[in-house]
Amino acid sequence: MNGYAVKWSPKSKISYFSILEYLDEKWTFKELEAFVNRKEETIDHISKNHLLYPYSKESDAHKCVVVKQVSLFYRIKDNNIELLVF
């Protein structure tokens, strides 16, 4: 199963890089690297099974906890996964 294509919204890119900057100051390199790897695994899981994480009608999005401190919100749009914000 190939999975859905994943598209990053401009807001998701900005929020992700802001988080990386913050974590770079507060976490060790090893912790930062583990976070990036976990984010990649999570996006891979989403692309293969987009219904894996809970959906909220309120926000019209799915919420996925990447790590305890960071969640990712995404939605299905035109048979693609659209990452909304971290």
Protein backbone atom coordinates (compact mmCIF):
# COMPACT_ATOMS: atom_id res chain seq x y z
CA MET A 1 0.00 0.00 0.00
CA ASN A 2 1.56 3.25 -1.15
CA GLY A 3 -0.49 5.65 0.90
CA TYR A 4 -1.70 9.16 0.37
CA ALA A 5 0.50 12.02 -0.75
CA VAL A 6 1.39 14.38 2.09
CA LYS A 7 1.33 18.14 1.57
CA TRP A 8 2.60 20.67 4.08
CA SER A 9 0.57 23.85 4.48
CA PRO A 10 2.60 27.06 4.90
CA LYS A 11 1.42 27.23 8.53
CA SER A 12 2.58 23.66 9.22
CA LYS A 13 6.07 24.48 7.89
CA ILE A 14 6.32 27.64 10.00
CA SER A 15 5.09 25.92 13.16
CA TYR A 16 7.37 22.90 12.62
CA PHE A 17 10.48 25.02 12.13
CA SER A 18 9.56 27.18 15.14
CA ILE A 19 9.35 24.02 17.23
CA LEU A 20 12.71 22.83 15.90
CA GLU A 21 14.31 26.16 16.83
CA TYR A 22 12.89 25.98 20.33
CA LEU A 23 13.90 22.34 20.82
CA ASP A 24 17.39 23.08 19.52
CA GLU A 25 17.82 25.51 22.41
CA LYS A 26 16.21 23.32 25.09
CA TRP A 27 16.95 19.72 24.11
CA THR A 28 20.12 17.76 23.38
CA PHE A 29 21.02 16.89 19.79
CA LYS A 30 20.08 13.27 20.45
CA GLU A 31 16.60 14.28 21.70
CA LEU A 32 16.14 16.61 18.73
CA GLU A 33 17.15 13.88 16.32
CA ALA A 34 14.71 11.45 17.99
CA PHE A 35 11.92 14.03 17.59
CA VAL A 36 12.65 14.49 13.87
CA ASN A 37 12.68 10.71 13.37
CA ARG A 38 9.41 10.35 15.29
CA LYS A 39 7.84 13.09 13.14
CA GLU A 40 8.88 11.20 9.99
CA GLU A 41 7.45 7.91 11.34
CA THR A 42 4.20 9.64 12.29
CA ILE A 43 3.75 11.22 8.85
CA ASP A 44 4.50 7.84 7.26
CA HIS A 45 1.82 6.20 9.44
CA ILE A 46 -0.66 8.93 8.52
CA SER A 47 0.01 8.54 4.79
CA LYS A 48 -0.64 4.79 5.02
CA ASN A 49 -3.64 4.96 7.35
CA HIS A 50 -5.10 8.45 7.64
CA LEU A 51 -7.89 7.27 9.95
CA LEU A 52 -5.41 6.06 12.56
CA TYR A 53 -5.74 9.21 14.67
CA PRO A 54 -8.91 10.77 16.16
CA TYR A 55 -11.00 13.19 14.12
CA SER A 56 -12.66 16.27 15.57
CA LYS A 57 -15.71 17.80 13.87
CA GLU A 58 -15.01 21.06 15.72
CA SER A 59 -11.65 21.59 14.06
CA ASP A 60 -12.40 19.47 10.97
CA ALA A 61 -9.03 17.81 11.51
CA HIS A 62 -7.33 14.76 12.89
CA LYS A 63 -5.02 15.15 15.89
CA CYS A 64 -1.91 13.09 16.30
CA VAL A 65 0.49 13.28 19.24
CA VAL A 66 4.02 13.20 17.82
CA VAL A 67 5.67 13.42 21.24
CA LYS A 68 4.14 14.35 24.58
CA GLN A 69 4.86 18.06 23.99
CA VAL A 70 3.95 18.28 20.28
CA SER A 71 0.80 17.34 18.35
CA LEU A 72 0.17 17.46 14.63
CA PHE A 73 -3.19 18.40 13.11
CA TYR A 74 -4.04 17.23 9.60
CA ARG A 75 -6.98 16.68 7.30
CA ILE A 76 -7.82 14.74 4.19
CA LYS A 77 -8.23 17.02 1.19
CA ASP A 78 -8.56 15.96 -2.46
CA ASN A 79 -7.22 12.47 -1.69
CA ASN A 80 -4.13 13.95 -0.05
CA ILE A 81 -3.06 14.43 3.53
CA GLU A 82 -2.75 18.13 4.34
CA LEU A 83 -0.60 18.88 7.37
CA LEU A 84 -2.19 21.91 9.02
CA VAL A 85 -0.13 22.83 12.07
CA PHE A 86 2.19 21.39 14.70
